Amino acid sequence: MPSLSPHPRSLSLAVALVSLCMGIHAQVIQSTAIPANNSLSVFITDYPEDADLCVFIVDSKNKAKGNNGFWYFQDSQTYADKKIFFVEDSVQADLKINFVDQQELAGWKNKTRVFLLD
C-alpha cells in the first residue's frame, strides 16, 4: 500500500516557505540613540488606552512574527526590520506604544497606524 506521508524534501520546502513568509513582517526592532532618516519616532504611554500599539517584548527573534505587537530588540541594524527612536513628548511621536507584561494584551489599538510597521 502506498505511503500517504509527504516527501521529506517537499516538507522541508514547505517549512522554508512558511518561515520566509512569516519573517517578512517580523517586528525585529533596533532602538537608536539619535534619530536617523529611516527611524520611527516612538512615545511610551503610561496607559494602554492611550497607545496606538500595545507591545509585548519577546526573548527571541523567532517569536517576533507578524505586525501584532510582539517585538524583539536587536542591537545590530543589519538584522533589524525597523529602527525606532524614543521621544519624550507624544506630539513628536509617529507612534505611541505601551509595554504590556502579558502577551494576550499585545496588539493594535489604533489600526490607522498599522502601516508604520508594515
PDB file of N, CA and C in Angstrom:
ATOM      1  N   MET A   1       0.833  -1.173   0.000  1.00  0.00           N
ATOM      2  CA  MET A   1       0.000   0.000   0.000  1.00  0.00           C
ATOM      3  C   MET A   1       0.883   1.244   0.000  1.00  0.00           C
ATOM      4  N   PRO A   2       0.595   2.265  -0.845  1.00  0.00           N
ATOM      5  CA  PRO A   2       1.450   3.442  -0.928  1.00  0.00           C
ATOM      6  C   PRO A   2       1.355   4.297   0.344  1.00  0.00           C
ATOM      7  N   SER A   3       2.474   4.924   0.647  1.00  0.00           N
ATOM      8  CA  SER A   3       2.547   5.800   1.822  1.00  0.00           C
ATOM      9  C   SER A   3       1.863   7.129   1.523  1.00  0.00           C
ATOM     10  N   LEU A   4       1.142   7.667   2.488  1.00  0.00           N
ATOM     11  CA  LEU A   4       0.467   8.950   2.326  1.00  0.00           C
ATOM     12  C   LEU A   4       1.245  10.092   2.976  1.00  0.00           C
ATOM     13  N   SER A   5       2.400   9.803   3.539  1.00  0.00           N
ATOM     14  CA  SER A   5       3.179  10.864   4.180  1.00  0.00           C
ATOM     15  C   SER A   5       3.888  11.701   3.113  1.00  0.00           C
ATOM     16  N   PRO A   6       4.089  12.985   3.364  1.00  0.00           N
ATOM     17  CA  PRO A   6       4.727  13.853   2.385  1.00  0.00           C
ATOM     18  C   PRO A   6       6.189  13.497   2.195  1.00  0.00           C
ATOM     19  N   HIS A   7       6.686  13.789   1.015  1.00  0.00           N
ATOM     20  CA  HIS A   7       8.092  13.577   0.707  1.00  0.00           C
ATOM     21  C   HIS A   7       8.916  14.500   1.596  1.00  0.00           C
ATOM     22  N   PRO A   8      10.020  14.019   2.183  1.00  0.00           N
ATOM     23  CA  PRO A   8      10.816  14.854   3.095  1.00  0.00           C
ATOM     24  C   PRO A   8      11.273  16.175   2.457  1.00  0.00           C
ATOM     25  N   ARG A   9      11.618  16.155   1.181  1.00  0.00           N
ATOM     26  CA  ARG A   9      12.070  17.372   0.512  1.00  0.00           C
ATOM     27  C   ARG A   9      10.911  18.355   0.364  1.00  0.00           C
ATOM     28  N   SER A  10       9.710  17.874   0.081  1.00  0.00           N
ATOM     29  CA  SER A  10       8.536  18.736  -0.023  1.00  0.00           C
ATOM     30  C   SER A  10       8.217  19.372   1.319  1.00  0.00           C
ATOM     31  N   LEU A  11       8.347  18.573   2.368  1.00  0.00           N
ATOM     32  CA  LEU A  11       8.080  19.082   3.704  1.00  0.00           C
ATOM     33  C   LEU A  11       9.094  20.165   4.073  1.00  0.00           C
ATOM     34  N   SER A  12      10.360  19.957   3.755  1.00  0.00           N
ATOM     35  CA  SER A  12      11.400  20.951   4.034  1.00  0.00           C
ATOM     36  C   SER A  12      11.143  22.242   3.269  1.00  0.00           C
ATOM     37  N   LEU A  13      10.730  22.122   2.019  1.00  0.00           N
ATOM     38  CA  LEU A  13      10.422  23.292   1.204  1.00  0.00           C
ATOM     39  C   LEU A  13       9.228  24.052   1.782  1.00  0.00           C
ATOM     40  N   ALA A  14       8.222  23.343   2.213  1.00  0.00           N
ATOM     41  CA  ALA A  14       7.041  23.982   2.802  1.00  0.00           C
ATOM     42  C   ALA A  14       7.409  24.727   4.084  1.00  0.00           C
ATOM     43  N   VAL A  15       8.211  24.112   4.936  1.00  0.00           N
ATOM     44  CA  VAL A  15       8.643  24.764   6.172  1.00  0.00           C
ATOM     45  C   VAL A  15       9.459  26.007   5.854  1.00  0.00           C
ATOM     46  N   ALA A  16      10.342  25.937   4.875  1.00  0.00           N
ATOM     47  CA  ALA A  16      11.160  27.080   4.484  1.00  0.00           C
ATOM     48  C   ALA A  16      10.295  28.219   3.954  1.00  0.00           C
ATOM     49  N   LEU A  17       9.295  27.894   3.136  1.00  0.00           N
ATOM     50  CA  LEU A  17       8.416  28.927   2.586  1.00  0.00           C
ATOM     51  C   LEU A  17       7.578  29.591   3.670  1.00  0.00           C
ATOM     52  N   VAL A  18       7.054  28.805   4.600  1.00  0.00           N
ATOM     53  CA  VAL A  18       6.272  29.371   5.694  1.00  0.00           C
ATOM     54  C   VAL A  18       7.164  30.269   6.553  1.00  0.00           C
ATOM     55  N   SER A  19       8.376  29.835   6.845  1.00  0.00           N
ATOM     56  CA  SER A  19       9.302  30.644   7.640  1.00  0.00           C
ATOM     57  C   SER A  19       9.624  31.945   6.942  1.00  0.00           C
ATOM     58  N   LEU A  20       9.845  31.892   5.644  1.00  0.00           N
ATOM     59  CA  LEU A  20      10.152  33.086   4.868  1.00  0.00           C
ATOM     60  C   LEU A  20       8.972  34.049   4.879  1.00  0.00           C
ATOM     61  N   CYS A  21       7.786  33.535   4.645  1.00  0.00           N
ATOM     62  CA  CYS A  21       6.595  34.388   4.616  1.00  0.00           C
ATOM     63  C   CYS A  21       6.328  35.006   5.981  1.00  0.00           C
ATOM     64  N   MET A  22       6.516  34.254   7.041  1.00  0.00           N
ATOM     65  CA  MET A  22       6.280  34.788   8.375  1.00  0.00           C
ATOM     66  C   MET A  22       7.328  35.825   8.738  1.00  0.00           C
ATOM     67  N   GLY A  23       8.533  35.687   8.213  1.00  0.00           N
ATOM     68  CA  GLY A  23       9.607  36.608   8.536  1.00  0.00           C
ATOM     69  C   GLY A  23       9.515  37.938   7.827  1.00  0.00           C
ATOM     70  N   ILE A  24       8.689  38.061   6.815  1.00  0.00           N
ATOM     71  CA  ILE A  24       8.584  39.297   6.055  1.00  0.00           C
ATOM     72  C   ILE A  24       8.118  40.441   6.944  1.00  0.00           C
ATOM     73  N   HIS A  25       7.181  40.186   7.832  1.00  0.00           N
ATOM     74  CA  HIS A  25       6.650  41.238   8.683  1.00  0.00           C
ATOM     75  C   HIS A  25       7.086  41.086  10.136  1.00  0.00           C
ATOM     76  N   ALA A  26       8.203  40.424  10.361  1.00  0.00           N
ATOM     77  CA  ALA A  26       8.697  40.272  11.722  1.00  0.00           C
ATOM     78  C   ALA A  26       9.025  41.639  12.301  1.00  0.00           C
ATOM     79  N   GLN A  27       8.733  41.805  13.564  1.00  0.00           N
ATOM     80  CA  GLN A  27       8.979  43.078  14.215  1.00  0.00           C
ATOM     81  C   GLN A  27      10.264  42.993  15.035  1.00  0.00           C
ATOM     82  N   VAL A  28      11.385  42.903  14.319  1.00  0.00           N
ATOM     83  CA  VAL A  28      12.689  42.943  14.947  1.00  0.00           C
ATOM     84  C   VAL A  28      13.095  44.404  14.950  1.00  0.00           C
ATOM     85  N   ILE A  29      13.284  44.948  16.141  1.00  0.00           N
ATOM     86  CA  ILE A  29      13.415  46.379  16.335  1.00  0.00           C
ATOM     87  C   ILE A  29      14.814  46.737  16.813  1.00  0.00           C
ATOM     88  N   GLN A  30      15.353  47.833  16.284  1.00  0.00           N
ATOM     89  CA  GLN A  30      16.583  48.404  16.811  1.00  0.00           C
ATOM     90  C   GLN A  30      16.257  49.791  17.331  1.00  0.00           C
ATOM     91  N   SER A  31      16.581  50.040  18.571  1.00  0.00           N
ATOM     92  CA  SER A  31      16.388  51.354  19.159  1.00  0.00           C
ATOM     93  C   SER A  31      17.661  52.160  18.948  1.00  0.00           C
ATOM     94  N   THR A  32      17.527  53.338  18.323  1.00  0.00           N
ATOM     95  CA  THR A  32      18.692  54.179  18.066  1.00  0.00           C
ATOM     96  C   THR A  32      18.745  55.317  19.074  1.00  0.00           C
ATOM     97  N   ALA A  33      19.952  55.773  19.385  1.00  0.00           N
ATOM     98  CA  ALA A  33      20.150  56.843  20.366  1.00  0.00           C
ATOM     99  C   ALA A  33      19.794  58.210  19.789  1.00  0.00           C
ATOM    100  N   ILE A  34      19.981  58.348  18.490  1.00  0.00           N
ATOM    101  CA  ILE A  34      19.653  59.609  17.825  1.00  0.00           C
ATOM    102  C   ILE A  34      18.766  59.303  16.622  1.00  0.00           C
ATOM    103  N   PRO A  35      17.906  60.238  16.238  1.00  0.00           N
ATOM    104  CA  PRO A  35      17.020  59.955  15.094  1.00  0.00           C
ATOM    105  C   PRO A  35      17.822  59.762  13.805  1.00  0.00           C
ATOM    106  N   ALA A  36      17.406  58.800  13.019  1.00  0.00           N
ATOM    107  CA  ALA A  36      18.010  58.552  11.709  1.00  0.00           C
ATOM    108  C   ALA A  36      16.956  58.837  10.644  1.00  0.00           C
ATOM    109  N   ASN A  37      17.393  58.917   9.402  1.00  0.00           N
ATOM    110  CA  ASN A  37      16.473  59.210   8.294  1.00  0.00           C
ATOM    111  C   ASN A  37      15.296  58.249   8.248  1.00  0.00           C
ATOM    112  N   ASN A  38      15.564  56.994   8.501  1.00  0.00           N
ATOM    113  CA  ASN A  38      14.526  55.978   8.351  1.00  0.00           C
ATOM    114  C   ASN A  38      14.028  55.429   9.681  1.00  0.00           C
ATOM    115  N   SER A  39      14.232  56.180  10.765  1.00  0.00           N
ATOM    116  CA  SER A  39      13.749  55.694  12.055  1.00  0.00           C
ATOM    117  C   SER A  39      12.363  56.260  12.355  1.00  0.00           C
ATOM    118  N   LEU A  40      11.641  55.542  13.151  1.00  0.00           N
ATOM    119  CA  LEU A  40      10.286  55.891  13.530  1.00  0.00           C
ATOM    120  C   LEU A  40      10.329  56.464  14.947  1.00  0.00           C
ATOM    121  N   SER A  41       9.746  57.635  15.149  1.00  0.00           N
ATOM    122  CA  SER A  41       9.737  58.217  16.496  1.00  0.00           C
ATOM    123  C   SER A  41       8.605  57.585  17.299  1.00  0.00           C
ATOM    124  N   VAL A  42       8.944  57.155  18.520  1.00  0.00           N
ATOM    125  CA  VAL A  42       8.024  56.390  19.351  1.00  0.00           C
ATOM    126  C   VAL A  42       7.950  57.013  20.744  1.00  0.00           C
ATOM    127  N   PHE A  43       6.731  57.133  21.239  1.00  0.00           N
ATOM    128  CA  PHE A  43       6.488  57.630  22.585  1.00  0.00           C
ATOM    129  C   PHE A  43       5.888  56.498  23.415  1.00  0.00           C
ATOM    130  N   ILE A  44       6.360  56.340  24.656  1.00  0.00           N
ATOM    131  CA  ILE A  44       5.838  55.303  25.543  1.00  0.00           C
ATOM    132  C   ILE A  44       4.776  55.934  26.444  1.00  0.00           C
ATOM    133  N   THR A  45       3.560  55.413  26.351  1.00  0.00           N
ATOM    134  CA  THR A  45       2.454  55.930  27.165  1.00  0.00           C
ATOM    135  C   THR A  45       2.437  55.254  28.536  1.00  0.00           C
ATOM    136  N   ASP A  46       1.774  55.907  29.464  1.00  0.00           N
ATOM    137  CA  ASP A  46       1.627  55.333  30.802  1.00  0.00           C
ATOM    138  C   ASP A  46       0.515  54.290  30.854  1.00  0.00           C
ATOM    139  N   TYR A  47      -0.455  54.437  29.960  1.00  0.00           N
ATOM    140  CA  TYR A  47      -1.635  53.565  29.991  1.00  0.00           C
ATOM    141  C   TYR A  47      -1.903  52.965  28.609  1.00  0.00           C
ATOM    142  N   PRO A  48      -2.312  51.692  28.560  1.00  0.00           N
ATOM    143  CA  PRO A  48      -2.598  51.037  27.278  1.00  0.00           C
ATOM    144  C   PRO A  48      -3.653  51.766  26.446  1.00  0.00           C
ATOM    145  N   GLU A  49      -4.646  52.354  27.094  1.00  0.00           N
ATOM    146  CA  GLU A  49      -5.714  53.019  26.345  1.00  0.00           C
ATOM    147  C   GLU A  49      -5.242  54.273  25.612  1.00  0.00           C
ATOM    148  N   ASP A  50      -4.058  54.791  25.970  1.00  0.00           N
ATOM    149  CA  ASP A  50      -3.503  55.969  25.286  1.00  0.00           C
ATOM    150  C   ASP A  50      -2.581  55.591  24.135  1.00  0.00           C
ATOM    151  N   ALA A  51      -2.339  54.315  23.948  1.00  0.00           N
ATOM    152  CA  ALA A  51      -1.371  53.840  22.953  1.00  0.00           C
ATOM    153  C   ALA A  51      -2.037  53.489  21.626  1.00  0.00           C
ATOM    154  N   ASP A  52      -1.244  53.607  20.552  1.00  0.00           N
ATOM    155  CA  ASP A  52      -1.661  53.087  19.247  1.00  0.00           C
ATOM    156  C   ASP A  52      -1.445  51.578  19.207  1.00  0.00           C
ATOM    157  N   LEU A  53      -0.382  51.141  19.899  1.00  0.00           N
ATOM    158  CA  LEU A  53       0.025  49.739  19.880  1.00  0.00           C
ATOM    159  C   LEU A  53       0.482  49.322  21.264  1.00  0.00           C
ATOM    160  N   CYS A  54      -0.020  48.190  21.741  1.00  0.00           N
ATOM    161  CA  CYS A  54       0.476  47.593  22.976  1.00  0.00           C
ATOM    162  C   CYS A  54       1.527  46.560  22.593  1.00  0.00           C
ATOM    163  N   VAL A  55       2.706  46.690  23.175  1.00  0.00           N
ATOM    164  CA  VAL A  55       3.866  45.887  22.782  1.00  0.00           C
ATOM    165  C   VAL A  55       4.250  44.918  23.890  1.00  0.00           C
ATOM    166  N   PHE A  56       4.447  43.668  23.485  1.00  0.00           N
ATOM    167  CA  PHE A  56       4.973  42.637  24.377  1.00  0.00           C
ATOM    168  C   PHE A  56       6.366  42.290  23.870  1.00  0.00           C
ATOM    169  N   ILE A  57       7.365  42.399  24.735  1.00  0.00           N
ATOM    170  CA  ILE A  57       8.748  42.104  24.332  1.00  0.00           C
ATOM    171  C   ILE A  57       8.985  40.609  24.452  1.00  0.00           C
ATOM    172  N   VAL A  58       9.456  40.013  23.351  1.00  0.00           N
ATOM    173  CA  VAL A  58       9.750  38.581  23.344  1.00  0.00           C
ATOM    174  C   VAL A  58      11.252  38.366  23.468  1.00  0.00           C
ATOM    175  N   ASP A  59      11.639  37.154  23.854  1.00  0.00           N
ATOM    176  CA  ASP A  59      13.043  36.878  24.136  1.00  0.00           C
ATOM    177  C   ASP A  59      13.816  36.254  22.977  1.00  0.00           C
ATOM    178  N   SER A  60      13.156  36.082  21.847  1.00  0.00           N
ATOM    179  CA  SER A  60      13.885  35.566  20.680  1.00  0.00           C
ATOM    180  C   SER A  60      13.264  36.114  19.392  1.00  0.00           C
ATOM    181  N   LYS A  61      14.092  36.215  18.388  1.00  0.00           N
ATOM    182  CA  LYS A  61      13.649  36.731  17.084  1.00  0.00           C
ATOM    183  C   LYS A  61      12.537  35.861  16.503  1.00  0.00           C
ATOM    184  N   ASN A  62      12.600  34.567  16.759  1.00  0.00           N
ATOM    185  CA  ASN A  62      11.602  33.635  16.222  1.00  0.00           C
ATOM    186  C   ASN A  62      10.198  33.897  16.748  1.00  0.00           C
ATOM    187  N   LYS A  63      10.093  34.525  17.906  1.00  0.00           N
ATOM    188  CA  LYS A  63       8.784  34.806  18.491  1.00  0.00           C
ATOM    189  C   LYS A  63       8.219  36.150  18.028  1.00  0.00           C
ATOM    190  N   ALA A  64       9.002  36.912  17.305  1.00  0.00           N
ATOM    191  CA  ALA A  64       8.579  38.247  16.837  1.00  0.00           C
ATOM    192  C   ALA A  64       8.029  38.139  15.426  1.00  0.00           C
ATOM    193  N   LYS A  65       6.935  37.468  15.288  1.00  0.00           N
ATOM    194  CA  LYS A  65       6.323  37.247  13.975  1.00  0.00           C
ATOM    195  C   LYS A  65       5.119  38.150  13.790  1.00  0.00           C
ATOM    196  N   GLY A  66       5.012  38.712  12.616  1.00  0.00           N
ATOM    197  CA  GLY A  66       3.840  39.499  12.281  1.00  0.00           C
ATOM    198  C   GLY A  66       3.854  40.899  12.874  1.00  0.00           C
ATOM    199  N   ASN A  67       2.951  41.703  12.401  1.00  0.00           N
ATOM    200  CA  ASN A  67       2.810  43.086  12.848  1.00  0.00           C
ATOM    201  C   ASN A  67       1.687  43.129  13.882  1.00  0.00           C
ATOM    202  N   ASN A  68       1.955  42.487  15.037  1.00  0.00           N
ATOM    203  CA  ASN A  68       0.901  42.309  16.026  1.00  0.00           C
ATOM    204  C   ASN A  68       1.304  42.732  17.430  1.00  0.00           C
ATOM    205  N   GLY A  69       2.420  43.452  17.562  1.00  0.00           N
ATOM    206  CA  GLY A  69       2.838  43.938  18.867  1.00  0.00           C
ATOM    207  C   GLY A  69       3.844  43.075  19.594  1.00  0.00           C
ATOM    208  N   PHE A  70       4.343  42.031  18.949  1.00  0.00           N
ATOM    209  CA  PHE A  70       5.389  41.214  19.544  1.00  0.00           C
ATOM    210  C   PHE A  70       6.724  41.714  19.000  1.00  0.00           C
ATOM    211  N   TRP A  71       7.521  42.341  19.856  1.00  0.00           N
ATOM    212  CA  TRP A  71       8.788  42.945  19.432  1.00  0.00           C
ATOM    213  C   TRP A  71       9.969  42.223  20.046  1.00  0.00           C
ATOM    214  N   TYR A  72      11.013  42.132  19.239  1.00  0.00           N
ATOM    215  CA  TYR A  72      12.309  41.636  19.697  1.00  0.00           C
ATOM    216  C   TYR A  72      13.317  42.733  19.409  1.00  0.00           C
ATOM    217  N   PHE A  73      14.031  43.176  20.431  1.00  0.00           N
ATOM    218  CA  PHE A  73      15.019  44.239  20.238  1.00  0.00           C
ATOM    219  C   PHE A  73      16.353  43.644  19.827  1.00  0.00           C
ATOM    220  N   GLN A  74      16.903  44.186  18.754  1.00  0.00           N
ATOM    221  CA  GLN A  74      18.140  43.719  18.139  1.00  0.00           C
ATOM    222  C   GLN A  74      19.158  44.858  18.186  1.00  0.00           C
ATOM    223  N   ASP A  75      20.389  44.571  18.590  1.00  0.00           N
ATOM    224  CA  ASP A  75      21.424  45.608  18.645  1.00  0.00           C
ATOM    225  C   ASP A  75      21.942  45.982  17.263  1.00  0.00           C
ATOM    226  N   SER A  76      21.979  45.035  16.366  1.00  0.00           N
ATOM    227  CA  SER A  76      22.549  45.269  15.044  1.00  0.00           C
ATOM    228  C   SER A  76      21.502  45.784  14.062  1.00  0.00           C
ATOM    229  N   GLN A  77      21.808  46.896  13.401  1.00  0.00           N
ATOM    230  CA  GLN A  77      20.873  47.424  12.404  1.00  0.00           C
ATOM    231  C   GLN A  77      20.781  46.521  11.188  1.00  0.00           C
ATOM    232  N   THR A  78      21.779  45.700  10.970  1.00  0.00           N
ATOM    233  CA  THR A  78      21.779  44.787   9.831  1.00  0.00           C
ATOM    234  C   THR A  78      20.600  43.824   9.885  1.00  0.00           C
ATOM    235  N   TYR A  79      20.262  43.373  11.076  1.00  0.00           N
ATOM    236  CA  TYR A  79      19.219  42.364  11.221  1.00  0.00           C
ATOM    237  C   TYR A  79      17.872  42.939  11.658  1.00  0.00           C
ATOM    238  N   ALA A  80      17.817  44.231  11.914  1.00  0.00           N
ATOM    239  CA  ALA A  80      16.571  44.845  12.365  1.00  0.00           C
ATOM    240  C   ALA A  80      15.670  45.158  11.182  1.00  0.00           C
ATOM    241  N   ASP A  81      14.368  44.919  11.371  1.00  0.00           N
ATOM    242  CA  ASP A  81      13.382  45.262  10.348  1.00  0.00           C
ATOM    243  C   ASP A  81      13.000  46.736  10.441  1.00  0.00           C
ATOM    244  N   LYS A  82      12.998  47.259  11.648  1.00  0.00           N
ATOM    245  CA  LYS A  82      12.610  48.652  11.878  1.00  0.00           C
ATOM    246  C   LYS A  82      13.556  49.288  12.874  1.00  0.00           C
ATOM    247  N   LYS A  83      13.839  50.576  12.662  1.00  0.00           N
ATOM    248  CA  LYS A  83      14.615  51.360  13.614  1.00  0.00           C
ATOM    249  C   LYS A  83      13.666  52.345  14.268  1.00  0.00           C
ATOM    250  N   ILE A  84      13.774  52.445  15.584  1.00  0.00           N
ATOM    251  CA  ILE A  84      12.926  53.393  16.290  1.00  0.00           C
ATOM    252  C   ILE A  84      13.785  54.325  17.132  1.00  0.00           C
ATOM    253  N   PHE A  85      13.230  55.478  17.416  1.00  0.00           N
ATOM    254  CA  PHE A  85      13.863  56.464  18.266  1.00  0.00           C
ATOM    255  C   PHE A  85      12.821  56.908  19.288  1.00  0.00           C
ATOM    256  N   PHE A  86      13.129  56.761  20.574  1.00  0.00           N
ATOM    257  CA  PHE A  86      12.173  57.125  21.608  1.00  0.00           C
ATOM    258  C   PHE A  86      12.200  58.635  21.839  1.00  0.00           C
ATOM    259  N   VAL A  87      11.014  59.232  21.904  1.00  0.00           N
ATOM    260  CA  VAL A  87      10.884  60.664  22.166  1.00  0.00           C
ATOM    261  C   VAL A  87      10.197  60.867  23.511  1.00  0.00           C
ATOM    262  N   GLU A  88      10.386  62.039  24.098  1.00  0.00           N
ATOM    263  CA  GLU A  88       9.829  62.310  25.418  1.00  0.00           C
ATOM    264  C   GLU A  88       8.501  63.058  25.376  1.00  0.00           C
ATOM    265  N   ASP A  89       8.090  63.469  24.191  1.00  0.00           N
ATOM    266  CA  ASP A  89       6.836  64.216  24.048  1.00  0.00           C
ATOM    267  C   ASP A  89       5.965  63.503  23.015  1.00  0.00           C
ATOM    268  N   SER A  90       4.735  63.212  23.384  1.00  0.00           N
ATOM    269  CA  SER A  90       3.838  62.463  22.487  1.00  0.00           C
ATOM    270  C   SER A  90       3.567  63.210  21.183  1.00  0.00           C
ATOM    271  N   VAL A  91       3.667  64.528  21.204  1.00  0.00           N
ATOM    272  CA  VAL A  91       3.425  65.329  19.999  1.00  0.00           C
ATOM    273  C   VAL A  91       4.486  65.063  18.932  1.00  0.00           C
ATOM    274  N   GLN A  92       5.674  64.675  19.353  1.00  0.00           N
ATOM    275  CA  GLN A  92       6.776  64.396  18.424  1.00  0.00           C
ATOM    276  C   GLN A  92       6.734  62.980  17.850  1.00  0.00           C
ATOM    277  N   ALA A  93       5.840  62.152  18.358  1.00  0.00           N
ATOM    278  CA  ALA A  93       5.849  60.726  18.020  1.00  0.00           C
ATOM    279  C   ALA A  93       5.046  60.397  16.772  1.00  0.00           C
ATOM    280  N   ASP A  94       5.620  59.493  15.968  1.00  0.00           N
ATOM    281  CA  ASP A  94       4.881  58.885  14.860  1.00  0.00           C
ATOM    282  C   ASP A  94       3.938  57.818  15.414  1.00  0.00           C
ATOM    283  N   LEU A  95       4.378  57.161  16.490  1.00  0.00           N
ATOM    284  CA  LEU A  95       3.662  56.026  17.053  1.00  0.00           C
ATOM    285  C   LEU A  95       3.722  56.088  18.576  1.00  0.00           C
ATOM    286  N   LYS A  96       2.598  55.830  19.215  1.00  0.00           N
ATOM    287  CA  LYS A  96       2.533  55.762  20.684  1.00  0.00           C
ATOM    288  C   LYS A  96       2.352  54.305  21.073  1.00  0.00           C
ATOM    289  N   ILE A  97       3.236  53.832  21.969  1.00  0.00           N
ATOM    290  CA  ILE A  97       3.169  52.437  22.405  1.00  0.00           C
ATOM    291  C   ILE A  97       3.047  52.356  23.921  1.00  0.00           C
ATOM    292  N   ASN A  98       2.621  51.198  24.371  1.00  0.00           N
ATOM    293  CA  ASN A  98       2.605  50.889  25.783  1.00  0.00           C
ATOM    294  C   ASN A  98       3.141  49.477  25.918  1.00  0.00           C
ATOM    295  N   PHE A  99       4.133  49.293  26.795  1.00  0.00           N
ATOM    296  CA  PHE A  99       4.674  47.963  27.013  1.00  0.00           C
ATOM    297  C   PHE A  99       3.763  47.206  27.973  1.00  0.00           C
ATOM    298  N   VAL A 100       3.369  46.001  27.576  1.00  0.00           N
ATOM    299  CA  VAL A 100       2.500  45.167  28.400  1.00  0.00           C
ATOM    300  C   VAL A 100       3.269  43.941  28.867  1.00  0.00           C
ATOM    301  N   ASP A 101       2.851  43.382  29.984  1.00  0.00           N
ATOM    302  CA  ASP A 101       3.566  42.233  30.543  1.00  0.00           C
ATOM    303  C   ASP A 101       2.895  40.893  30.284  1.00  0.00           C
ATOM    304  N   GLN A 102       1.804  40.919  29.541  1.00  0.00           N
ATOM    305  CA  GLN A 102       1.132  39.675  29.154  1.00  0.00           C
ATOM    306  C   GLN A 102       0.935  39.690  27.645  1.00  0.00           C
ATOM    307  N   GLN A 103       1.324  38.603  26.992  1.00  0.00           N
ATOM    308  CA  GLN A 103       1.252  38.565  25.529  1.00  0.00           C
ATOM    309  C   GLN A 103      -0.165  38.704  25.000  1.00  0.00           C
ATOM    310  N   GLU A 104      -1.163  38.308  25.790  1.00  0.00           N
ATOM    311  CA  GLU A 104      -2.554  38.416  25.353  1.00  0.00           C
ATOM    312  C   GLU A 104      -2.992  39.874  25.198  1.00  0.00           C
ATOM    313  N   LEU A 105      -2.281  40.791  25.843  1.00  0.00           N
ATOM    314  CA  LEU A 105      -2.638  42.215  25.800  1.00  0.00           C
ATOM    315  C   LEU A 105      -1.982  42.952  24.630  1.00  0.00           C
ATOM    316  N   ALA A 106      -1.061  42.287  23.936  1.00  0.00           N
ATOM    317  CA  ALA A 106      -0.370  42.914  22.810  1.00  0.00           C
ATOM    318  C   ALA A 106      -1.309  43.061  21.622  1.00  0.00           C
ATOM    319  N   GLY A 107      -1.122  44.143  20.878  1.00  0.00           N
ATOM    320  CA  GLY A 107      -1.901  44.331  19.659  1.00  0.00           C
ATOM    321  C   GLY A 107      -2.202  45.792  19.393  1.00  0.00           C
ATOM    322  N   TRP A 108      -2.791  46.018  18.237  1.00  0.00           N
ATOM    323  CA  TRP A 108      -3.102  47.367  17.789  1.00  0.00           C
ATOM    324  C   TRP A 108      -4.372  47.891  18.448  1.00  0.00           C
ATOM    325  N   LYS A 109      -4.299  49.102  18.937  1.00  0.00           N
ATOM    326  CA  LYS A 109      -5.456  49.820  19.477  1.00  0.00           C
ATOM    327  C   LYS A 109      -5.959  50.839  18.454  1.00  0.00           C
ATOM    328  N   ASN A 110      -5.029  51.343  17.644  1.00  0.00           N
ATOM    329  CA  ASN A 110      -5.351  52.326  16.611  1.00  0.00           C
ATOM    330  C   ASN A 110      -4.895  51.757  15.270  1.00  0.00           C
ATOM    331  N   LYS A 111      -5.799  51.108  14.576  1.00  0.00           N
ATOM    332  CA  LYS A 111      -5.457  50.399  13.329  1.00  0.00           C
ATOM    333  C   LYS A 111      -5.023  51.332  12.194  1.00  0.00           C
ATOM    334  N   THR A 112      -5.288  52.629  12.316  1.00  0.00           N
ATOM    335  CA  THR A 112      -4.857  53.565  11.265  1.00  0.00           C
ATOM    336  C   THR A 112      -3.353  53.761  11.269  1.00  0.00           C
ATOM    337  N   ARG A 113      -2.653  53.284  12.293  1.00  0.00           N
ATOM    338  CA  ARG A 113      -1.200  53.444  12.402  1.00  0.00           C
ATOM    339  C   ARG A 113      -0.435  52.179  11.997  1.00  0.00           C
ATOM    340  N   VAL A 114      -1.148  51.110  11.682  1.00  0.00           N
ATOM    341  CA  VAL A 114      -0.521  49.824  11.348  1.00  0.00           C
ATOM    342  C   VAL A 114       0.513  49.963  10.236  1.00  0.00           C
ATOM    343  N   PHE A 115       0.233  50.808   9.254  1.00  0.00           N
ATOM    344  CA  PHE A 115       1.126  50.968   8.108  1.00  0.00           C
ATOM    345  C   PHE A 115       2.542  51.385   8.507  1.00  0.00           C
ATOM    346  N   LEU A 116       2.696  51.993   9.663  1.00  0.00           N
ATOM    347  CA  LEU A 116       4.017  52.443  10.108  1.00  0.00           C
ATOM    348  C   LEU A 116       4.993  51.298  10.306  1.00  0.00           C
ATOM    349  N   LEU A 117       4.480  50.124  10.607  1.00  0.00           N
ATOM    350  CA  LEU A 117       5.356  48.965  10.861  1.00  0.00           C
ATOM    351  C   LEU A 117       5.211  47.882   9.793  1.00  0.00           C
ATOM    352  N   ASP A 118       4.504  48.148   8.723  1.00  0.00           N
ATOM    353  CA  ASP A 118       4.405  47.165   7.623  1.00  0.00           C
ATOM    354  C   ASP A 118       5.626  47.229   6.737  1.00  0.00           C
TER     355      ASP A 118
END
